[in-house]
Amino acid sequence: NVVVREIVITNIDCYAPLLSYEMKQDSWTNEDVKLYLRAEDRNADGSSGIGLADNWYSLDGGSSFSNKDVIVFENNCEFSVITRDKHDNRSYTDISIRQIDKDSPWVILRMEVIGEGRDMQVRLIADAGDAYSGLPEEAYSWDKGCSYGKEPYKTVTENGSYQITVRDKAGNWDYDILEVGVFKEEIPV
C-alpha cells in the first residue's frame, strides 16, 4: 500500500529581518546618547517571517548577539549592526553616532591698548574655538556665564580682573581671566 500525503508549505522565510533605530538626541550633546533598536521579520509579501532569534543583533561582527533594545554610547563611533532571525537570515545596517562632544572649547583672552593718556582704552579680545560641535552664534559671556552674546570683545577703561566665558554647541564651557593694569591712577592735587 502506498500512502500519499500532500503537505503545503506556506511560510518559507528566506528574508533577513529589517532593523530600525532611533536616537533621542539628534543635536550636539555633552551627555551619553541612547540608541533604541527595533527589528521586524517580514517576508517579501509583508506576511510575518519565522521571527527574530532570541538574541537578535550583534555589534561586534557576529561574535556575540544580544536582545537588549537600548544601548548607551559614551563616545562617538561608527559600527555595523547584524540583525538575524531564527533561520539565521541576516541583515547589516551601518550606524554612525556623531553628536557627542564632551570636550570644552578653548579660549584665550588678550588685550589691545587703544589711544593714550586720558583717551586710552583697552580692548579685550577673546580668541576661542571648539574642535567638535563648534561655537554657537551667542558663545561669549562677559558676566561669568549669566548671559551670552555674539561679541568676542569688550572695551574697558579701568584696571581690574576681567573674565570671558565661552560655551560650545554641546553645552561645554571654559573661561579665561586677564588682569588689566595699564591705567595710571590720577594723583589728587
C-alpha atoms as a PDB file:
ATOM      1  CA  ASN A   1       0.000   0.000   0.000  1.00  0.00           C
ATOM      2  CA  VAL A   2       1.163   3.445  -0.827  1.00  0.00           C
ATOM      3  CA  VAL A   3       0.028   6.417   1.191  1.00  0.00           C
ATOM      4  CA  VAL A   4       0.360   9.752  -0.451  1.00  0.00           C
ATOM      5  CA  ARG A   5       0.322  12.742   1.770  1.00  0.00           C
ATOM      6  CA  GLU A   6       0.263  16.236   0.436  1.00  0.00           C
ATOM      7  CA  ILE A   7       1.912  18.918   2.520  1.00  0.00           C
ATOM      8  CA  VAL A   8       1.510  22.553   1.666  1.00  0.00           C
ATOM      9  CA  ILE A   9       4.282  24.788   2.903  1.00  0.00           C
ATOM     10  CA  THR A  10       3.027  28.319   3.175  1.00  0.00           C
ATOM     11  CA  ASN A  11       5.679  30.209   5.093  1.00  0.00           C
ATOM     12  CA  ILE A  12       9.229  29.859   3.858  1.00  0.00           C
ATOM     13  CA  ASP A  13      11.316  32.598   5.411  1.00  0.00           C
ATOM     14  CA  CYS A  14      14.349  33.438   3.351  1.00  0.00           C
ATOM     15  CA  TYR A  15      14.379  37.180   4.052  1.00  0.00           C
ATOM     16  CA  ALA A  16      16.509  38.888   6.666  1.00  0.00           C
ATOM     17  CA  PRO A  17      14.841  40.994   9.351  1.00  0.00           C
ATOM     18  CA  LEU A  18      14.618  44.737   8.912  1.00  0.00           C
ATOM     19  CA  LEU A  19      16.291  46.904  11.577  1.00  0.00           C
ATOM     20  CA  SER A  20      15.081  50.351  12.546  1.00  0.00           C
ATOM     21  CA  TYR A  21      16.710  52.592  15.119  1.00  0.00           C
ATOM     22  CA  GLU A  22      16.183  55.904  16.847  1.00  0.00           C
ATOM     23  CA  MET A  23      18.439  58.224  18.798  1.00  0.00           C
ATOM     24  CA  LYS A  24      16.640  60.538  21.206  1.00  0.00           C
ATOM     25  CA  GLN A  25      19.493  63.038  20.898  1.00  0.00           C
ATOM     26  CA  ASP A  26      19.657  64.425  17.366  1.00  0.00           C
ATOM     27  CA  SER A  27      21.696  67.566  18.091  1.00  0.00           C
ATOM     28  CA  TRP A  28      25.019  68.127  19.853  1.00  0.00           C
ATOM     29  CA  THR A  29      25.218  66.946  23.457  1.00  0.00           C
ATOM     30  CA  ASN A  30      27.826  66.566  26.188  1.00  0.00           C
ATOM     31  CA  GLU A  31      25.969  63.563  27.616  1.00  0.00           C
ATOM     32  CA  ASP A  32      25.768  59.886  26.669  1.00  0.00           C
ATOM     33  CA  VAL A  33      23.486  59.006  23.741  1.00  0.00           C
ATOM     34  CA  LYS A  34      20.830  56.290  23.906  1.00  0.00           C
ATOM     35  CA  LEU A  35      20.210  54.231  20.779  1.00  0.00           C
ATOM     36  CA  TYR A  36      16.884  52.372  20.563  1.00  0.00           C
ATOM     37  CA  LEU A  37      16.841  49.311  18.288  1.00  0.00           C
ATOM     38  CA  ARG A  38      13.798  47.574  16.840  1.00  0.00           C
ATOM     39  CA  ALA A  39      13.572  44.820  14.237  1.00  0.00           C
ATOM     40  CA  GLU A  40      10.809  43.074  12.304  1.00  0.00           C
ATOM     41  CA  ASP A  41      10.986  39.803  10.440  1.00  0.00           C
ATOM     42  CA  ARG A  42       8.762  40.003   7.371  1.00  0.00           C
ATOM     43  CA  ASN A  43       8.520  38.146   4.098  1.00  0.00           C
ATOM     44  CA  ALA A  44       8.522  39.879   0.729  1.00  0.00           C
ATOM     45  CA  ASP A  45       4.694  39.884   0.668  1.00  0.00           C
ATOM     46  CA  GLY A  46       4.528  41.563   4.098  1.00  0.00           C
ATOM     47  CA  SER A  47       3.493  38.446   5.997  1.00  0.00           C
ATOM     48  CA  SER A  48       5.285  37.517   9.205  1.00  0.00           C
ATOM     49  CA  GLY A  49       8.548  35.664   8.903  1.00  0.00           C
ATOM     50  CA  ILE A  50       9.808  32.953  11.230  1.00  0.00           C
ATOM     51  CA  GLY A  51      10.570  35.560  13.911  1.00  0.00           C
ATOM     52  CA  LEU A  52      13.659  37.099  15.417  1.00  0.00           C
ATOM     53  CA  ALA A  53      16.265  34.959  17.116  1.00  0.00           C
ATOM     54  CA  ASP A  54      16.210  35.143  20.909  1.00  0.00           C
ATOM     55  CA  ASN A  55      19.417  37.195  20.774  1.00  0.00           C
ATOM     56  CA  TRP A  56      18.783  39.020  17.529  1.00  0.00           C
ATOM     57  CA  TYR A  57      21.512  41.604  16.968  1.00  0.00           C
ATOM     58  CA  SER A  58      25.277  41.902  17.104  1.00  0.00           C
ATOM     59  CA  LEU A  59      27.533  44.941  17.311  1.00  0.00           C
ATOM     60  CA  ASP A  60      30.811  43.037  17.051  1.00  0.00           C
ATOM     61  CA  GLY A  61      30.606  41.440  13.610  1.00  0.00           C
ATOM     62  CA  GLY A  62      28.624  38.402  14.752  1.00  0.00           C
ATOM     63  CA  SER A  63      30.909  37.177  17.553  1.00  0.00           C
ATOM     64  CA  SER A  64      28.154  37.714  20.122  1.00  0.00           C
ATOM     65  CA  PHE A  65      24.462  38.568  19.959  1.00  0.00           C
ATOM     66  CA  SER A  66      22.097  40.401  22.311  1.00  0.00           C
ATOM     67  CA  ASN A  67      18.412  41.255  22.687  1.00  0.00           C
ATOM     68  CA  LYS A  68      18.738  44.454  24.746  1.00  0.00           C
ATOM     69  CA  ASP A  69      16.877  47.094  22.728  1.00  0.00           C
ATOM     70  CA  VAL A  70      18.558  50.148  24.309  1.00  0.00           C
ATOM     71  CA  ILE A  71      22.291  50.777  24.005  1.00  0.00           C
ATOM     72  CA  VAL A  72      24.095  53.694  25.668  1.00  0.00           C
ATOM     73  CA  PHE A  73      27.110  55.267  23.942  1.00  0.00           C
ATOM     74  CA  GLU A  74      29.601  57.442  25.811  1.00  0.00           C
ATOM     75  CA  ASN A  75      31.634  58.425  22.746  1.00  0.00           C
ATOM     76  CA  ASN A  76      31.179  58.970  19.035  1.00  0.00           C
ATOM     77  CA  CYS A  77      31.577  55.839  16.928  1.00  0.00           C
ATOM     78  CA  GLU A  78      30.604  54.067  13.740  1.00  0.00           C
ATOM     79  CA  PHE A  79      29.554  50.434  13.677  1.00  0.00           C
ATOM     80  CA  SER A  80      27.561  47.842  11.783  1.00  0.00           C
ATOM     81  CA  VAL A  81      24.598  46.046  13.346  1.00  0.00           C
ATOM     82  CA  ILE A  82      23.911  42.483  12.254  1.00  0.00           C
ATOM     83  CA  THR A  83      20.260  41.517  12.716  1.00  0.00           C
ATOM     84  CA  ARG A  84      19.186  37.873  12.448  1.00  0.00           C
ATOM     85  CA  ASP A  85      16.034  35.783  12.553  1.00  0.00           C
ATOM     86  CA  LYS A  86      15.512  32.199  13.791  1.00  0.00           C
ATOM     87  CA  HIS A  87      16.703  30.810  10.436  1.00  0.00           C
ATOM     88  CA  ASP A  88      19.875  32.921  10.703  1.00  0.00           C
ATOM     89  CA  ASN A  89      18.868  35.176   7.802  1.00  0.00           C
ATOM     90  CA  ARG A  90      20.956  38.294   8.407  1.00  0.00           C
ATOM     91  CA  SER A  91      20.800  41.977   7.540  1.00  0.00           C
ATOM     92  CA  TYR A  92      23.528  44.581   8.029  1.00  0.00           C
ATOM     93  CA  THR A  93      22.926  48.210   8.982  1.00  0.00           C
ATOM     94  CA  ASP A  94      25.642  50.849   9.399  1.00  0.00           C
ATOM     95  CA  ILE A  95      25.059  53.393  12.167  1.00  0.00           C
ATOM     96  CA  SER A  96      27.063  56.494  12.971  1.00  0.00           C
ATOM     97  CA  ILE A  97      26.984  58.328  16.315  1.00  0.00           C
ATOM     98  CA  ARG A  98      28.489  61.756  15.714  1.00  0.00           C
ATOM     99  CA  GLN A  99      26.810  64.191  18.131  1.00  0.00           C
ATOM    100  CA  ILE A 100      28.704  63.648  21.382  1.00  0.00           C
ATOM    101  CA  ASP A 101      31.092  66.429  22.437  1.00  0.00           C
ATOM    102  CA  LYS A 102      32.409  66.143  25.990  1.00  0.00           C
ATOM    103  CA  ASP A 103      35.422  68.400  25.446  1.00  0.00           C
ATOM    104  CA  SER A 104      35.403  72.047  26.480  1.00  0.00           C
ATOM    105  CA  PRO A 105      36.045  74.792  23.963  1.00  0.00           C
ATOM    106  CA  TRP A 106      39.302  76.711  24.221  1.00  0.00           C
ATOM    107  CA  VAL A 107      39.557  80.429  24.941  1.00  0.00           C
ATOM    108  CA  ILE A 108      42.424  82.889  25.326  1.00  0.00           C
ATOM    109  CA  LEU A 109      41.745  86.435  26.494  1.00  0.00           C
ATOM    110  CA  ARG A 110      44.149  89.115  25.287  1.00  0.00           C
ATOM    111  CA  MET A 111      44.178  92.899  25.287  1.00  0.00           C
ATOM    112  CA  GLU A 112      44.893  95.662  22.831  1.00  0.00           C
ATOM    113  CA  VAL A 113      45.658  99.189  24.064  1.00  0.00           C
ATOM    114  CA  ILE A 114      43.929 101.921  22.049  1.00  0.00           C
ATOM    115  CA  GLY A 115      44.917 105.598  22.389  1.00  0.00           C
ATOM    116  CA  GLU A 116      46.908 107.140  25.215  1.00  0.00           C
ATOM    117  CA  GLY A 117      46.591 109.433  28.190  1.00  0.00           C
ATOM    118  CA  ARG A 118      43.031 110.272  29.222  1.00  0.00           C
ATOM    119  CA  ASP A 119      41.729 108.849  25.930  1.00  0.00           C
ATOM    120  CA  MET A 120      43.317 105.442  26.469  1.00  0.00           C
ATOM    121  CA  GLN A 121      41.075 102.366  26.329  1.00  0.00           C
ATOM    122  CA  VAL A 122      41.780  98.669  26.450  1.00  0.00           C
ATOM    123  CA  ARG A 123      40.003  96.341  24.084  1.00  0.00           C
ATOM    124  CA  LEU A 124      39.691  92.799  25.491  1.00  0.00           C
ATOM    125  CA  ILE A 125      39.595  90.207  22.731  1.00  0.00           C
ATOM    126  CA  ALA A 126      38.597  86.562  23.192  1.00  0.00           C
ATOM    127  CA  ASP A 127      40.131  84.097  20.759  1.00  0.00           C
ATOM    128  CA  ALA A 128      38.055  80.917  21.050  1.00  0.00           C
ATOM    129  CA  GLY A 129      37.159  77.738  19.228  1.00  0.00           C
ATOM    130  CA  ASP A 130      35.900  74.210  19.591  1.00  0.00           C
ATOM    131  CA  ALA A 131      37.154  71.067  17.861  1.00  0.00           C
ATOM    132  CA  TYR A 132      33.862  69.138  17.730  1.00  0.00           C
ATOM    133  CA  SER A 133      30.458  70.803  17.988  1.00  0.00           C
ATOM    134  CA  GLY A 134      31.714  74.322  17.318  1.00  0.00           C
ATOM    135  CA  LEU A 135      30.661  77.573  18.913  1.00  0.00           C
ATOM    136  CA  PRO A 136      27.057  78.777  18.750  1.00  0.00           C
ATOM    137  CA  GLU A 137      26.216  82.231  17.463  1.00  0.00           C
ATOM    138  CA  GLU A 138      25.981  83.550  21.034  1.00  0.00           C
ATOM    139  CA  ALA A 139      29.029  81.915  22.613  1.00  0.00           C
ATOM    140  CA  TYR A 140      30.595  84.724  24.698  1.00  0.00           C
ATOM    141  CA  SER A 141      29.801  85.803  28.239  1.00  0.00           C
ATOM    142  CA  TRP A 142      31.428  88.768  29.966  1.00  0.00           C
ATOM    143  CA  ASP A 143      29.379  88.241  33.170  1.00  0.00           C
ATOM    144  CA  LYS A 144      30.669  84.796  34.233  1.00  0.00           C
ATOM    145  CA  GLY A 145      28.075  82.802  32.301  1.00  0.00           C
ATOM    146  CA  CYS A 146      24.936  84.657  33.372  1.00  0.00           C
ATOM    147  CA  SER A 147      24.180  85.761  29.802  1.00  0.00           C
ATOM    148  CA  TYR A 148      25.744  85.086  26.410  1.00  0.00           C
ATOM    149  CA  GLY A 149      26.152  87.240  23.327  1.00  0.00           C
ATOM    150  CA  LYS A 150      27.833  87.406  19.934  1.00  0.00           C
ATOM    151  CA  GLU A 151      30.678  89.785  20.831  1.00  0.00           C
ATOM    152  CA  PRO A 152      34.152  88.284  21.371  1.00  0.00           C
ATOM    153  CA  TYR A 153      35.459  91.667  22.512  1.00  0.00           C
ATOM    154  CA  LYS A 154      34.822  94.293  25.183  1.00  0.00           C
ATOM    155  CA  THR A 155      36.248  97.764  25.745  1.00  0.00           C
ATOM    156  CA  VAL A 156      37.279  98.756  29.287  1.00  0.00           C
ATOM    157  CA  THR A 157      38.612 101.994  30.765  1.00  0.00           C
ATOM    158  CA  GLU A 158      39.830 100.905  34.185  1.00  0.00           C
ATOM    159  CA  ASN A 159      42.196  98.413  35.766  1.00  0.00           C
ATOM    160  CA  GLY A 160      40.782  95.175  37.070  1.00  0.00           C
ATOM    161  CA  SER A 161      40.315  91.456  36.609  1.00  0.00           C
ATOM    162  CA  TYR A 162      38.175  90.530  33.569  1.00  0.00           C
ATOM    163  CA  GLN A 163      36.749  87.127  32.750  1.00  0.00           C
ATOM    164  CA  ILE A 164      35.421  85.735  29.468  1.00  0.00           C
ATOM    165  CA  THR A 165      33.385  82.511  29.476  1.00  0.00           C
ATOM    166  CA  VAL A 166      32.856  80.635  26.212  1.00  0.00           C
ATOM    167  CA  ARG A 167      30.420  77.776  25.544  1.00  0.00           C
ATOM    168  CA  ASP A 168      30.122  75.332  22.660  1.00  0.00           C
ATOM    169  CA  LYS A 169      27.021  73.924  20.944  1.00  0.00           C
ATOM    170  CA  ALA A 170      27.018  70.872  23.239  1.00  0.00           C
ATOM    171  CA  GLY A 171      26.914  72.957  26.438  1.00  0.00           C
ATOM    172  CA  ASN A 172      30.557  72.595  27.463  1.00  0.00           C
ATOM    173  CA  TRP A 173      32.285  75.773  28.618  1.00  0.00           C
ATOM    174  CA  ASP A 174      35.617  77.212  29.657  1.00  0.00           C
ATOM    175  CA  TYR A 175      36.904  80.600  30.722  1.00  0.00           C
ATOM    176  CA  ASP A 176      39.984  82.788  30.835  1.00  0.00           C
ATOM    177  CA  ILE A 177      40.851  85.704  33.140  1.00  0.00           C
ATOM    178  CA  LEU A 178      43.029  88.677  32.291  1.00  0.00           C
ATOM    179  CA  GLU A 179      44.372  91.294  34.697  1.00  0.00           C
ATOM    180  CA  VAL A 180      44.377  94.804  33.221  1.00  0.00           C
ATOM    181  CA  GLY A 181      46.808  97.155  34.950  1.00  0.00           C
ATOM    182  CA  VAL A 182      47.771  99.704  32.301  1.00  0.00           C
ATOM    183  CA  PHE A 183      45.696 102.637  33.512  1.00  0.00           C
ATOM    184  CA  LYS A 184      47.559 105.109  35.728  1.00  0.00           C
ATOM    185  CA  GLU A 185      45.698 106.318  38.736  1.00  0.00           C
ATOM    186  CA  GLU A 186      45.415 110.063  38.942  1.00  0.00           C
ATOM    187  CA  ILE A 187      47.031 111.655  41.965  1.00  0.00           C
ATOM    188  CA  PRO A 188      44.681 114.207  43.587  1.00  0.00           C
ATOM    189  CA  VAL A 189      46.021 117.753  43.557  1.00  0.00           C
END
